[in-house]
Amino acid sequence: MELLSPEETWGIIMNADPDAIASALALKRLFWRKVRKTTLFHINPIERADNLALIRLLKIKLQRIRSMRGRKINRWAIVDSQPHHHERFMNHSFDIIIDHHPLGPSSQAFFYDIKEDYGANSTIMTEYLRAVKITPSPRLATALFYGIKTDTDNFARESAPNDMNAFRYLYPHANMNTIKKIESSEMSRETLKDFRFAMEKVVFIKDIAYISMEEVTRPDVLVIIADFFMKLADIEWTIVTGIHDGRLIVILRNAGFRGDAGKTAQRLFRSWGGSAGGHKSAARAEIPLKNIPGITEDRSLINRLVLKELKRLRHAASEGDAS
């Protein structure tokens, strides 16, 4: 609260997904009547049908930006992310960082709160609201409830008791009919085409399903595909790649006891430049294509490089099991 002034304008920026959007809404509620104006910004296109339904049904106002520079914003906050997570966040100073991913080396701010053991950033924000005795409106409670629900995958992913406590607190305040409508809006005709393409492209390496979606117009579809192939009974890993906006995007999912998707993403792709990281069961990497030599002449090079890394990873894991 020491940062807030009635004369200043704040920008809250995120890589938008349900958890990030809900967290930004909650932070904006905390700023209410304490600052001149608060605007919510996102850097990524929002194209998943369920995320669009969330924004439409809850009437959430967001602005997409490609750069934080040149805007009449006095102070910046970032939620559900950190500066090292995306090139558009890098080299910017933040006044507030609130996140539940592992702490990065560049995560410096006047105020920062990183809770790595929490399953959802919405949980942190719910605790903030409760601490200052703000009862969330049905709209805000629904967003936070859905943020926890999606980021913990209905508590199938790692989470903390705090996540369950926040979930139970929000339940009587949230609109369950809206939640059902958002969840039933996941599929579209375009998504069905993506599923068909993925079925034709999937490669299995023991318990790993690897799918190259090649060029994609909607990077969010990579997440949908990765989650879908995790439903196969004999699969413990899914790794889905796609090219969008001059970047190679890699989505990783892990259901095993030994593997760590976040550390694996860093080990496999950090040397290529860009960003990589996440949680034990879910991670993401984004690499500028210019960092991959020869890629402009031969797009199939990505598949060969990724498959080589995956086979090396699987071989190393097998040796570890044997020892």
C-alpha atoms as a PDB file:
ATOM      1  CA  MET A   1       0.000   0.000   0.000  1.00  0.00           C
ATOM      2  CA  GLU A   2       2.990   2.306   0.471  1.00  0.00           C
ATOM      3  CA  LEU A   3       3.426   2.302  -3.317  1.00  0.00           C
ATOM      4  CA  LEU A   4      -0.059   3.588  -4.060  1.00  0.00           C
ATOM      5  CA  SER A   5      -0.804   7.246  -4.739  1.00  0.00           C
ATOM      6  CA  PRO A   6      -4.043   8.908  -5.938  1.00  0.00           C
ATOM      7  CA  GLU A   7      -2.067  10.846  -8.568  1.00  0.00           C
ATOM      8  CA  GLU A   8      -0.506   7.818 -10.283  1.00  0.00           C
ATOM      9  CA  THR A   9      -1.603   5.521 -13.099  1.00  0.00           C
ATOM     10  CA  TRP A  10      -0.856   1.791 -12.879  1.00  0.00           C
ATOM     11  CA  GLY A  11      -0.477  -0.870 -15.515  1.00  0.00           C
ATOM     12  CA  ILE A  12      -0.903  -4.539 -14.610  1.00  0.00           C
ATOM     13  CA  ILE A  13       0.662  -6.778 -17.236  1.00  0.00           C
ATOM     14  CA  MET A  14       0.448 -10.529 -17.753  1.00  0.00           C
ATOM     15  CA  ASN A  15       0.765 -13.438 -20.121  1.00  0.00           C
ATOM     16  CA  ALA A  16      -2.997 -13.931 -20.113  1.00  0.00           C
ATOM     17  CA  ASP A  17      -4.593 -17.165 -18.978  1.00  0.00           C
ATOM     18  CA  PRO A  18      -7.460 -17.636 -16.469  1.00  0.00           C
ATOM     19  CA  ASP A  19      -5.163 -17.551 -13.429  1.00  0.00           C
ATOM     20  CA  ALA A  20      -3.325 -14.444 -14.623  1.00  0.00           C
ATOM     21  CA  ILE A  21      -6.513 -12.618 -15.616  1.00  0.00           C
ATOM     22  CA  ALA A  22      -8.146 -13.341 -12.250  1.00  0.00           C
ATOM     23  CA  SER A  23      -5.006 -12.238 -10.394  1.00  0.00           C
ATOM     24  CA  ALA A  24      -4.915  -8.967 -12.324  1.00  0.00           C
ATOM     25  CA  LEU A  25      -8.592  -8.333 -11.538  1.00  0.00           C
ATOM     26  CA  ALA A  26      -7.947  -8.915  -7.833  1.00  0.00           C
ATOM     27  CA  LEU A  27      -4.950  -6.571  -7.794  1.00  0.00           C
ATOM     28  CA  LYS A  28      -7.027  -3.922  -9.567  1.00  0.00           C
ATOM     29  CA  ARG A  29      -9.660  -4.331  -6.833  1.00  0.00           C
ATOM     30  CA  LEU A  30      -6.984  -3.738  -4.185  1.00  0.00           C
ATOM     31  CA  PHE A  31      -5.986  -0.547  -6.037  1.00  0.00           C
ATOM     32  CA  TRP A  32      -9.581   0.742  -6.164  1.00  0.00           C
ATOM     33  CA  ARG A  33      -9.891   4.348  -4.908  1.00  0.00           C
ATOM     34  CA  LYS A  34      -6.192   4.343  -4.014  1.00  0.00           C
ATOM     35  CA  VAL A  35      -4.756   5.204  -7.452  1.00  0.00           C
ATOM     36  CA  ARG A  36      -5.857   7.417 -10.318  1.00  0.00           C
ATOM     37  CA  LYS A  37      -6.395   4.627 -12.859  1.00  0.00           C
ATOM     38  CA  THR A  38      -5.514   0.955 -13.389  1.00  0.00           C
ATOM     39  CA  THR A  39      -5.360  -0.731 -16.805  1.00  0.00           C
ATOM     40  CA  LEU A  40      -4.940  -4.452 -17.471  1.00  0.00           C
ATOM     41  CA  PHE A  41      -2.554  -5.405 -20.290  1.00  0.00           C
ATOM     42  CA  HIS A  42      -1.623  -8.745 -21.848  1.00  0.00           C
ATOM     43  CA  ILE A  43       1.188  -9.608 -24.285  1.00  0.00           C
ATOM     44  CA  ASN A  44      -0.234 -12.767 -25.856  1.00  0.00           C
ATOM     45  CA  PRO A  45      -3.162 -13.308 -28.220  1.00  0.00           C
ATOM     46  CA  ILE A  46      -6.194 -14.763 -26.417  1.00  0.00           C
ATOM     47  CA  GLU A  47      -7.797 -17.244 -28.788  1.00  0.00           C
ATOM     48  CA  ARG A  48      -8.874 -20.289 -26.778  1.00  0.00           C
ATOM     49  CA  ALA A  49     -12.654 -20.486 -26.852  1.00  0.00           C
ATOM     50  CA  ASP A  50     -12.961 -21.036 -23.083  1.00  0.00           C
ATOM     51  CA  ASN A  51     -10.690 -18.096 -22.266  1.00  0.00           C
ATOM     52  CA  LEU A  52     -12.680 -15.865 -24.607  1.00  0.00           C
ATOM     53  CA  ALA A  53     -15.857 -17.070 -22.883  1.00  0.00           C
ATOM     54  CA  LEU A  54     -14.345 -16.134 -19.500  1.00  0.00           C
ATOM     55  CA  ILE A  55     -13.609 -12.595 -20.706  1.00  0.00           C
ATOM     56  CA  ARG A  56     -16.995 -12.201 -22.403  1.00  0.00           C
ATOM     57  CA  LEU A  57     -19.172 -13.605 -19.618  1.00  0.00           C
ATOM     58  CA  LEU A  58     -17.370 -11.683 -16.861  1.00  0.00           C
ATOM     59  CA  LYS A  59     -17.077  -8.517 -18.995  1.00  0.00           C
ATOM     60  CA  ILE A  60     -13.336  -8.166 -18.403  1.00  0.00           C
ATOM     61  CA  LYS A  61     -11.563  -5.257 -20.105  1.00  0.00           C
ATOM     62  CA  LEU A  62      -8.061  -6.098 -21.333  1.00  0.00           C
ATOM     63  CA  GLN A  63      -5.670  -4.448 -23.764  1.00  0.00           C
ATOM     64  CA  ARG A  64      -3.063  -6.318 -25.771  1.00  0.00           C
ATOM     65  CA  ILE A  65       0.297  -4.569 -26.119  1.00  0.00           C
ATOM     66  CA  ARG A  66       3.545  -5.424 -27.860  1.00  0.00           C
ATOM     67  CA  SER A  67       5.676  -3.007 -25.848  1.00  0.00           C
ATOM     68  CA  MET A  68       5.502  -1.420 -22.404  1.00  0.00           C
ATOM     69  CA  ARG A  69       7.382   1.651 -23.584  1.00  0.00           C
ATOM     70  CA  GLY A  70       5.857   4.949 -24.607  1.00  0.00           C
ATOM     71  CA  ARG A  71       2.763   4.624 -22.425  1.00  0.00           C
ATOM     72  CA  LYS A  72       1.472   7.078 -19.840  1.00  0.00           C
ATOM     73  CA  ILE A  73       1.910   4.608 -16.992  1.00  0.00           C
ATOM     74  CA  ASN A  74       3.658   5.708 -13.785  1.00  0.00           C
ATOM     75  CA  ARG A  75       4.066   2.246 -12.270  1.00  0.00           C
ATOM     76  CA  TRP A  76       3.936  -1.362 -13.443  1.00  0.00           C
ATOM     77  CA  ALA A  77       2.881  -4.588 -11.758  1.00  0.00           C
ATOM     78  CA  ILE A  78       3.231  -8.094 -13.165  1.00  0.00           C
ATOM     79  CA  VAL A  79       1.146 -11.061 -11.964  1.00  0.00           C
ATOM     80  CA  ASP A  80       1.433 -14.827 -12.518  1.00  0.00           C
ATOM     81  CA  SER A  81       4.742 -14.258 -14.277  1.00  0.00           C
ATOM     82  CA  GLN A  82       8.243 -12.823 -13.887  1.00  0.00           C
ATOM     83  CA  PRO A  83      10.569 -10.758 -16.087  1.00  0.00           C
ATOM     84  CA  HIS A  84      12.576 -13.780 -17.297  1.00  0.00           C
ATOM     85  CA  HIS A  85       9.449 -15.582 -18.529  1.00  0.00           C
ATOM     86  CA  HIS A  86       9.098 -13.597 -21.739  1.00  0.00           C
ATOM     87  CA  GLU A  87      11.306 -11.333 -23.826  1.00  0.00           C
ATOM     88  CA  ARG A  88       8.691  -8.560 -23.661  1.00  0.00           C
ATOM     89  CA  PHE A  89       8.982  -8.509 -19.872  1.00  0.00           C
ATOM     90  CA  MET A  90      12.774  -8.411 -19.873  1.00  0.00           C
ATOM     91  CA  ASN A  91      14.737  -5.213 -19.292  1.00  0.00           C
ATOM     92  CA  HIS A  92      11.733  -3.542 -17.650  1.00  0.00           C
ATOM     93  CA  SER A  93      11.568  -2.431 -14.048  1.00  0.00           C
ATOM     94  CA  PHE A  94       8.513  -3.516 -12.076  1.00  0.00           C
ATOM     95  CA  ASP A  95       7.164  -2.031  -8.875  1.00  0.00           C
ATOM     96  CA  ILE A  96       5.188  -5.168  -7.957  1.00  0.00           C
ATOM     97  CA  ILE A  97       5.783  -8.829  -8.853  1.00  0.00           C
ATOM     98  CA  ILE A  98       3.335 -11.447  -7.554  1.00  0.00           C
ATOM     99  CA  ASP A  99       3.857 -14.983  -8.840  1.00  0.00           C
ATOM    100  CA  HIS A 100       3.849 -18.670  -7.943  1.00  0.00           C
ATOM    101  CA  HIS A 101       6.575 -19.868 -10.333  1.00  0.00           C
ATOM    102  CA  PRO A 102      10.198 -20.414  -9.231  1.00  0.00           C
ATOM    103  CA  LEU A 103      12.038 -17.181  -8.460  1.00  0.00           C
ATOM    104  CA  GLY A 104      14.099 -15.896 -11.380  1.00  0.00           C
ATOM    105  CA  PRO A 105      17.435 -14.049 -11.158  1.00  0.00           C
ATOM    106  CA  SER A 106      15.982 -10.853 -12.658  1.00  0.00           C
ATOM    107  CA  SER A 107      12.917 -10.720 -10.413  1.00  0.00           C
ATOM    108  CA  GLN A 108      13.680  -7.461  -8.626  1.00  0.00           C
ATOM    109  CA  ALA A 109      10.938  -5.064  -7.524  1.00  0.00           C
ATOM    110  CA  PHE A 110      10.019  -2.664  -4.717  1.00  0.00           C
ATOM    111  CA  PHE A 111       7.517  -5.329  -3.632  1.00  0.00           C
ATOM    112  CA  TYR A 112       7.581  -8.935  -4.716  1.00  0.00           C
ATOM    113  CA  ASP A 113       5.853 -12.019  -3.395  1.00  0.00           C
ATOM    114  CA  ILE A 114       6.866 -15.383  -4.883  1.00  0.00           C
ATOM    115  CA  LYS A 115       5.137 -18.459  -3.456  1.00  0.00           C
ATOM    116  CA  GLU A 116       6.509 -21.426  -5.411  1.00  0.00           C
ATOM    117  CA  ASP A 117       4.550 -24.047  -3.493  1.00  0.00           C
ATOM    118  CA  TYR A 118       1.172 -22.527  -4.389  1.00  0.00           C
ATOM    119  CA  GLY A 119      -0.710 -24.175  -7.230  1.00  0.00           C
ATOM    120  CA  ALA A 120      -2.322 -20.943  -8.443  1.00  0.00           C
ATOM    121  CA  ASN A 121      -1.533 -17.259  -8.330  1.00  0.00           C
ATOM    122  CA  SER A 122      -5.242 -16.646  -7.725  1.00  0.00           C
ATOM    123  CA  THR A 123      -4.756 -18.217  -4.308  1.00  0.00           C
ATOM    124  CA  ILE A 124      -2.231 -15.535  -3.347  1.00  0.00           C
ATOM    125  CA  MET A 125      -4.605 -12.812  -4.484  1.00  0.00           C
ATOM    126  CA  THR A 126      -7.546 -14.354  -2.621  1.00  0.00           C
ATOM    127  CA  GLU A 127      -5.474 -14.289   0.560  1.00  0.00           C
ATOM    128  CA  TYR A 128      -4.680 -10.606  -0.045  1.00  0.00           C
ATOM    129  CA  LEU A 129      -8.397  -9.796  -0.350  1.00  0.00           C
ATOM    130  CA  ARG A 130      -9.181 -11.683   2.831  1.00  0.00           C
ATOM    131  CA  ALA A 131      -6.312  -9.960   4.666  1.00  0.00           C
ATOM    132  CA  VAL A 132      -7.815  -6.521   4.019  1.00  0.00           C
ATOM    133  CA  LYS A 133     -11.355  -7.828   4.591  1.00  0.00           C
ATOM    134  CA  ILE A 134     -12.594  -7.323   1.020  1.00  0.00           C
ATOM    135  CA  THR A 135     -15.375  -9.747   0.111  1.00  0.00           C
ATOM    136  CA  PRO A 136     -14.999 -10.405  -3.630  1.00  0.00           C
ATOM    137  CA  SER A 137     -17.925  -9.629  -5.885  1.00  0.00           C
ATOM    138  CA  PRO A 138     -19.521 -12.615  -7.668  1.00  0.00           C
ATOM    139  CA  ARG A 139     -17.657 -11.575 -10.828  1.00  0.00           C
ATOM    140  CA  LEU A 140     -14.251 -11.445  -9.119  1.00  0.00           C
ATOM    141  CA  ALA A 141     -14.911 -14.577  -7.059  1.00  0.00           C
ATOM    142  CA  THR A 142     -15.877 -16.496 -10.197  1.00  0.00           C
ATOM    143  CA  ALA A 143     -12.678 -15.426 -11.957  1.00  0.00           C
ATOM    144  CA  LEU A 144     -10.484 -16.396  -8.968  1.00  0.00           C
ATOM    145  CA  PHE A 145     -12.332 -19.686  -8.460  1.00  0.00           C
ATOM    146  CA  TYR A 146     -11.836 -20.583 -12.135  1.00  0.00           C
ATOM    147  CA  GLY A 147      -8.181 -19.460 -11.989  1.00  0.00           C
ATOM    148  CA  ILE A 148      -7.470 -21.902  -9.146  1.00  0.00           C
ATOM    149  CA  LYS A 149      -9.516 -24.619 -10.837  1.00  0.00           C
ATOM    150  CA  THR A 150      -7.582 -24.417 -14.103  1.00  0.00           C
ATOM    151  CA  ASP A 151      -4.057 -23.890 -12.771  1.00  0.00           C
ATOM    152  CA  THR A 152      -4.306 -26.812 -10.351  1.00  0.00           C
ATOM    153  CA  ASP A 153      -6.168 -28.881 -12.987  1.00  0.00           C
ATOM    154  CA  ASN A 154      -8.882 -29.542 -10.389  1.00  0.00           C
ATOM    155  CA  PHE A 155      -6.116 -30.280  -7.860  1.00  0.00           C
ATOM    156  CA  ALA A 156      -4.585 -33.019 -10.000  1.00  0.00           C
ATOM    157  CA  ARG A 157      -1.403 -30.916 -10.229  1.00  0.00           C
ATOM    158  CA  GLU A 158       0.789 -29.987  -7.295  1.00  0.00           C
ATOM    159  CA  SER A 159      -0.818 -27.521  -4.941  1.00  0.00           C
ATOM    160  CA  ALA A 160      -0.763 -26.339  -1.339  1.00  0.00           C
ATOM    161  CA  PRO A 161      -3.394 -26.465   1.421  1.00  0.00           C
ATOM    162  CA  ASN A 162      -3.735 -22.720   0.823  1.00  0.00           C
ATOM    163  CA  ASP A 163      -5.141 -23.450  -2.648  1.00  0.00           C
ATOM    164  CA  MET A 164      -7.864 -25.660  -1.195  1.00  0.00           C
ATOM    165  CA  ASN A 165      -8.652 -23.120   1.518  1.00  0.00           C
ATOM    166  CA  ALA A 166      -9.016 -20.320  -1.050  1.00  0.00           C
ATOM    167  CA  PHE A 167     -11.104 -22.583  -3.287  1.00  0.00           C
ATOM    168  CA  ARG A 168     -13.496 -23.368  -0.433  1.00  0.00           C
ATOM    169  CA  TYR A 169     -13.687 -19.692   0.569  1.00  0.00           C
ATOM    170  CA  LEU A 170     -14.547 -18.572  -2.987  1.00  0.00           C
ATOM    171  CA  TYR A 171     -17.122 -21.307  -3.657  1.00  0.00           C
ATOM    172  CA  PRO A 172     -20.169 -19.605  -2.042  1.00  0.00           C
ATOM    173  CA  HIS A 173     -19.303 -16.291  -3.733  1.00  0.00           C
ATOM    174  CA  ALA A 174     -18.724 -17.640  -7.271  1.00  0.00           C
ATOM    175  CA  ASN A 175     -21.332 -18.245  -9.966  1.00  0.00           C
ATOM    176  CA  MET A 176     -21.251 -21.975 -10.744  1.00  0.00           C
ATOM    177  CA  ASN A 177     -23.474 -21.626 -13.811  1.00  0.00           C
ATOM    178  CA  THR A 178     -20.948 -19.245 -15.326  1.00  0.00           C
ATOM    179  CA  ILE A 179     -18.141 -21.683 -14.483  1.00  0.00           C
ATOM    180  CA  LYS A 180     -20.004 -24.491 -16.272  1.00  0.00           C
ATOM    181  CA  LYS A 181     -20.584 -22.335 -19.336  1.00  0.00           C
ATOM    182  CA  ILE A 182     -16.913 -21.341 -19.537  1.00  0.00           C
ATOM    183  CA  GLU A 183     -15.768 -24.957 -19.210  1.00  0.00           C
ATOM    184  CA  SER A 184     -18.183 -26.154 -21.877  1.00  0.00           C
ATOM    185  CA  SER A 185     -16.857 -23.547 -24.331  1.00  0.00           C
ATOM    186  CA  GLU A 186     -13.433 -25.161 -24.829  1.00  0.00           C
ATOM    187  CA  MET A 187     -13.998 -26.769 -28.241  1.00  0.00           C
ATOM    188  CA  SER A 188     -14.544 -25.124 -31.617  1.00  0.00           C
ATOM    189  CA  ARG A 189     -14.592 -26.340 -35.203  1.00  0.00           C
ATOM    190  CA  GLU A 190     -11.089 -24.998 -35.660  1.00  0.00           C
ATOM    191  CA  THR A 191      -9.906 -27.008 -32.646  1.00  0.00           C
ATOM    192  CA  LEU A 192     -11.219 -30.215 -34.225  1.00  0.00           C
ATOM    193  CA  LYS A 193      -8.977 -29.597 -37.251  1.00  0.00           C
ATOM    194  CA  ASP A 194      -6.011 -29.168 -34.920  1.00  0.00           C
ATOM    195  CA  PHE A 195      -6.811 -32.465 -33.189  1.00  0.00           C
ATOM    196  CA  ARG A 196      -6.926 -34.269 -36.528  1.00  0.00           C
ATOM    197  CA  PHE A 197      -3.542 -32.841 -37.505  1.00  0.00           C
ATOM    198  CA  ALA A 198      -2.062 -33.813 -34.116  1.00  0.00           C
ATOM    199  CA  MET A 199      -3.308 -37.394 -34.482  1.00  0.00           C
ATOM    200  CA  GLU A 200      -1.452 -37.672 -37.774  1.00  0.00           C
ATOM    201  CA  LYS A 201       1.770 -36.119 -36.440  1.00  0.00           C
ATOM    202  CA  VAL A 202       2.213 -37.739 -33.011  1.00  0.00           C
ATOM    203  CA  VAL A 203       5.471 -39.631 -32.400  1.00  0.00           C
ATOM    204  CA  PHE A 204       5.828 -41.984 -29.424  1.00  0.00           C
ATOM    205  CA  ILE A 205       9.162 -42.506 -27.647  1.00  0.00           C
ATOM    206  CA  LYS A 206       8.358 -45.049 -24.944  1.00  0.00           C
ATOM    207  CA  ASP A 207       6.226 -43.053 -22.466  1.00  0.00           C
ATOM    208  CA  ILE A 208       6.677 -39.717 -24.302  1.00  0.00           C
ATOM    209  CA  ALA A 209       4.198 -38.365 -26.856  1.00  0.00           C
ATOM    210  CA  TYR A 210       5.797 -35.748 -29.108  1.00  0.00           C
ATOM    211  CA  ILE A 211       3.701 -33.691 -31.517  1.00  0.00           C
ATOM    212  CA  SER A 212       4.961 -31.035 -33.896  1.00  0.00           C
ATOM    213  CA  MET A 213       2.074 -28.776 -34.870  1.00  0.00           C
ATOM    214  CA  GLU A 214       4.360 -26.868 -37.272  1.00  0.00           C
ATOM    215  CA  GLU A 215       3.028 -23.349 -37.999  1.00  0.00           C
ATOM    216  CA  VAL A 216       0.105 -22.390 -35.736  1.00  0.00           C
ATOM    217  CA  THR A 217      -2.145 -19.342 -35.843  1.00  0.00           C
ATOM    218  CA  ARG A 218      -3.216 -19.843 -32.218  1.00  0.00           C
ATOM    219  CA  PRO A 219      -0.435 -20.840 -29.797  1.00  0.00           C
ATOM    220  CA  ASP A 220      -3.002 -21.732 -27.108  1.00  0.00           C
ATOM    221  CA  VAL A 221      -3.926 -24.814 -29.141  1.00  0.00           C
ATOM    222  CA  LEU A 222      -0.555 -26.308 -28.180  1.00  0.00           C
ATOM    223  CA  VAL A 223      -1.699 -26.390 -24.538  1.00  0.00           C
ATOM    224  CA  ILE A 224      -4.994 -28.077 -25.472  1.00  0.00           C
ATOM    225  CA  ILE A 225      -3.160 -30.739 -27.506  1.00  0.00           C
ATOM    226  CA  ALA A 226      -0.598 -31.366 -24.752  1.00  0.00           C
ATOM    227  CA  ASP A 227      -3.307 -31.844 -22.120  1.00  0.00           C
ATOM    228  CA  PHE A 228      -5.306 -34.115 -24.431  1.00  0.00           C
ATOM    229  CA  PHE A 229      -2.468 -36.587 -25.081  1.00  0.00           C
ATOM    230  CA  MET A 230      -1.781 -36.835 -21.346  1.00  0.00           C
ATOM    231  CA  LYS A 231      -5.042 -38.799 -21.176  1.00  0.00           C
ATOM    232  CA  LEU A 232      -3.372 -41.787 -22.861  1.00  0.00           C
ATOM    233  CA  ALA A 233      -2.930 -44.558 -20.298  1.00  0.00           C
ATOM    234  CA  ASP A 234       0.719 -45.378 -21.089  1.00  0.00           C
ATOM    235  CA  ILE A 235       1.962 -41.791 -21.536  1.00  0.00           C
ATOM    236  CA  GLU A 236       3.812 -39.919 -18.773  1.00  0.00           C
ATOM    237  CA  TRP A 237       5.114 -37.022 -20.900  1.00  0.00           C
ATOM    238  CA  THR A 238       3.666 -34.921 -23.701  1.00  0.00           C
ATOM    239  CA  ILE A 239       5.770 -32.382 -25.544  1.00  0.00           C
ATOM    240  CA  VAL A 240       4.098 -30.250 -28.193  1.00  0.00           C
ATOM    241  CA  THR A 241       5.876 -27.748 -30.420  1.00  0.00           C
ATOM    242  CA  GLY A 242       4.609 -25.044 -32.739  1.00  0.00           C
ATOM    243  CA  ILE A 243       5.906 -22.002 -34.586  1.00  0.00           C
ATOM    244  CA  HIS A 244       4.152 -18.680 -34.073  1.00  0.00           C
ATOM    245  CA  ASP A 245       5.178 -15.061 -34.568  1.00  0.00           C
ATOM    246  CA  GLY A 246       8.835 -15.886 -35.222  1.00  0.00           C
ATOM    247  CA  ARG A 247       9.172 -18.114 -32.172  1.00  0.00           C
ATOM    248  CA  LEU A 248       9.342 -21.819 -31.434  1.00  0.00           C
ATOM    249  CA  ILE A 249       6.887 -22.559 -28.616  1.00  0.00           C
ATOM    250  CA  VAL A 250       7.218 -25.798 -26.634  1.00  0.00           C
ATOM    251  CA  ILE A 251       4.609 -27.054 -24.153  1.00  0.00           C
ATOM    252  CA  LEU A 252       5.581 -29.822 -21.705  1.00  0.00           C
ATOM    253  CA  ARG A 253       3.375 -31.961 -19.464  1.00  0.00           C
ATOM    254  CA  ASN A 254       4.553 -34.614 -17.014  1.00  0.00           C
ATOM    255  CA  ALA A 255       2.583 -37.096 -14.895  1.00  0.00           C
ATOM    256  CA  GLY A 256       5.506 -39.146 -13.532  1.00  0.00           C
ATOM    257  CA  PHE A 257       6.946 -39.110 -10.024  1.00  0.00           C
ATOM    258  CA  ARG A 258      10.555 -38.545 -11.039  1.00  0.00           C
ATOM    259  CA  GLY A 259      10.311 -36.056 -13.856  1.00  0.00           C
ATOM    260  CA  ASP A 260      10.150 -32.285 -13.525  1.00  0.00           C
ATOM    261  CA  ALA A 261       8.696 -30.458 -16.523  1.00  0.00           C
ATOM    262  CA  GLY A 262      10.070 -27.044 -15.500  1.00  0.00           C
ATOM    263  CA  LYS A 263      13.637 -28.266 -15.023  1.00  0.00           C
ATOM    264  CA  THR A 264      13.404 -30.385 -18.173  1.00  0.00           C
ATOM    265  CA  ALA A 265      12.310 -27.365 -20.224  1.00  0.00           C
ATOM    266  CA  GLN A 266      15.311 -25.424 -18.975  1.00  0.00           C
ATOM    267  CA  ARG A 267      17.710 -28.312 -19.559  1.00  0.00           C
ATOM    268  CA  LEU A 268      16.468 -28.978 -23.084  1.00  0.00           C
ATOM    269  CA  PHE A 269      15.889 -25.481 -24.409  1.00  0.00           C
ATOM    270  CA  ARG A 270      17.604 -22.803 -22.288  1.00  0.00           C
ATOM    271  CA  SER A 271      20.824 -23.195 -24.317  1.00  0.00           C
ATOM    272  CA  TRP A 272      18.862 -22.148 -27.419  1.00  0.00           C
ATOM    273  CA  GLY A 273      18.134 -18.773 -25.859  1.00  0.00           C
ATOM    274  CA  GLY A 274      14.688 -17.389 -25.112  1.00  0.00           C
ATOM    275  CA  SER A 275      12.775 -18.411 -22.012  1.00  0.00           C
ATOM    276  CA  ALA A 276      12.040 -21.780 -20.422  1.00  0.00           C
ATOM    277  CA  GLY A 277      10.571 -22.921 -17.116  1.00  0.00           C
ATOM    278  CA  GLY A 278       7.476 -23.881 -15.189  1.00  0.00           C
ATOM    279  CA  HIS A 279       6.279 -26.354 -12.593  1.00  0.00           C
ATOM    280  CA  LYS A 280       6.964 -30.035 -11.967  1.00  0.00           C
ATOM    281  CA  SER A 281       3.976 -31.137 -14.067  1.00  0.00           C
ATOM    282  CA  ALA A 282       3.647 -28.294 -16.592  1.00  0.00           C
ATOM    283  CA  ALA A 283       6.164 -26.065 -18.359  1.00  0.00           C
ATOM    284  CA  ARG A 284       6.723 -23.899 -21.411  1.00  0.00           C
ATOM    285  CA  ALA A 285       9.649 -22.724 -23.525  1.00  0.00           C
ATOM    286  CA  GLU A 286       9.743 -19.976 -26.149  1.00  0.00           C
ATOM    287  CA  ILE A 287      12.772 -19.602 -28.434  1.00  0.00           C
ATOM    288  CA  PRO A 288      13.212 -16.986 -31.188  1.00  0.00           C
ATOM    289  CA  LEU A 289      13.710 -18.802 -34.493  1.00  0.00           C
ATOM    290  CA  LYS A 290      16.725 -16.609 -35.211  1.00  0.00           C
ATOM    291  CA  ASN A 291      18.508 -18.435 -32.365  1.00  0.00           C
ATOM    292  CA  ILE A 292      18.255 -21.779 -34.195  1.00  0.00           C
ATOM    293  CA  PRO A 293      20.866 -21.956 -37.002  1.00  0.00           C
ATOM    294  CA  GLY A 294      19.574 -23.268 -40.324  1.00  0.00           C
ATOM    295  CA  ILE A 295      15.916 -23.081 -39.362  1.00  0.00           C
ATOM    296  CA  THR A 296      14.964 -20.579 -42.066  1.00  0.00           C
ATOM    297  CA  GLU A 297      16.173 -22.974 -44.776  1.00  0.00           C
ATOM    298  CA  ASP A 298      14.841 -26.178 -43.226  1.00  0.00           C
ATOM    299  CA  ARG A 299      11.832 -26.091 -40.871  1.00  0.00           C
ATOM    300  CA  SER A 300      12.033 -29.878 -40.375  1.00  0.00           C
ATOM    301  CA  LEU A 301      15.286 -29.202 -38.515  1.00  0.00           C
ATOM    302  CA  ILE A 302      13.246 -28.398 -35.399  1.00  0.00           C
ATOM    303  CA  ASN A 303      11.758 -31.890 -35.307  1.00  0.00           C
ATOM    304  CA  ARG A 304      15.159 -33.509 -35.657  1.00  0.00           C
ATOM    305  CA  LEU A 305      16.682 -31.344 -32.941  1.00  0.00           C
ATOM    306  CA  VAL A 306      13.804 -31.826 -30.491  1.00  0.00           C
ATOM    307  CA  LEU A 307      13.594 -35.577 -31.103  1.00  0.00           C
ATOM    308  CA  LYS A 308      17.349 -35.868 -30.585  1.00  0.00           C
ATOM    309  CA  GLU A 309      17.059 -34.078 -27.248  1.00  0.00           C
ATOM    310  CA  LEU A 310      14.077 -36.208 -26.189  1.00  0.00           C
ATOM    311  CA  LYS A 311      15.865 -39.475 -26.998  1.00  0.00           C
ATOM    312  CA  ARG A 312      18.896 -38.286 -25.069  1.00  0.00           C
ATOM    313  CA  LEU A 313      16.667 -37.379 -22.144  1.00  0.00           C
ATOM    314  CA  ARG A 314      14.893 -40.754 -22.250  1.00  0.00           C
ATOM    315  CA  HIS A 315      18.212 -42.605 -22.434  1.00  0.00           C
ATOM    316  CA  ALA A 316      19.535 -40.709 -19.424  1.00  0.00           C
ATOM    317  CA  ALA A 317      16.340 -41.485 -17.483  1.00  0.00           C
ATOM    318  CA  SER A 318      16.615 -45.188 -18.335  1.00  0.00           C
ATOM    319  CA  GLU A 319      20.195 -45.308 -17.087  1.00  0.00           C
ATOM    320  CA  GLY A 320      19.066 -43.600 -13.887  1.00  0.00           C
ATOM    321  CA  ASP A 321      16.353 -46.217 -13.351  1.00  0.00           C
ATOM    322  CA  ALA A 322      18.853 -49.018 -13.941  1.00  0.00           C
ATOM    323  CA  SER A 323      21.281 -47.615 -11.399  1.00  0.00           C
END
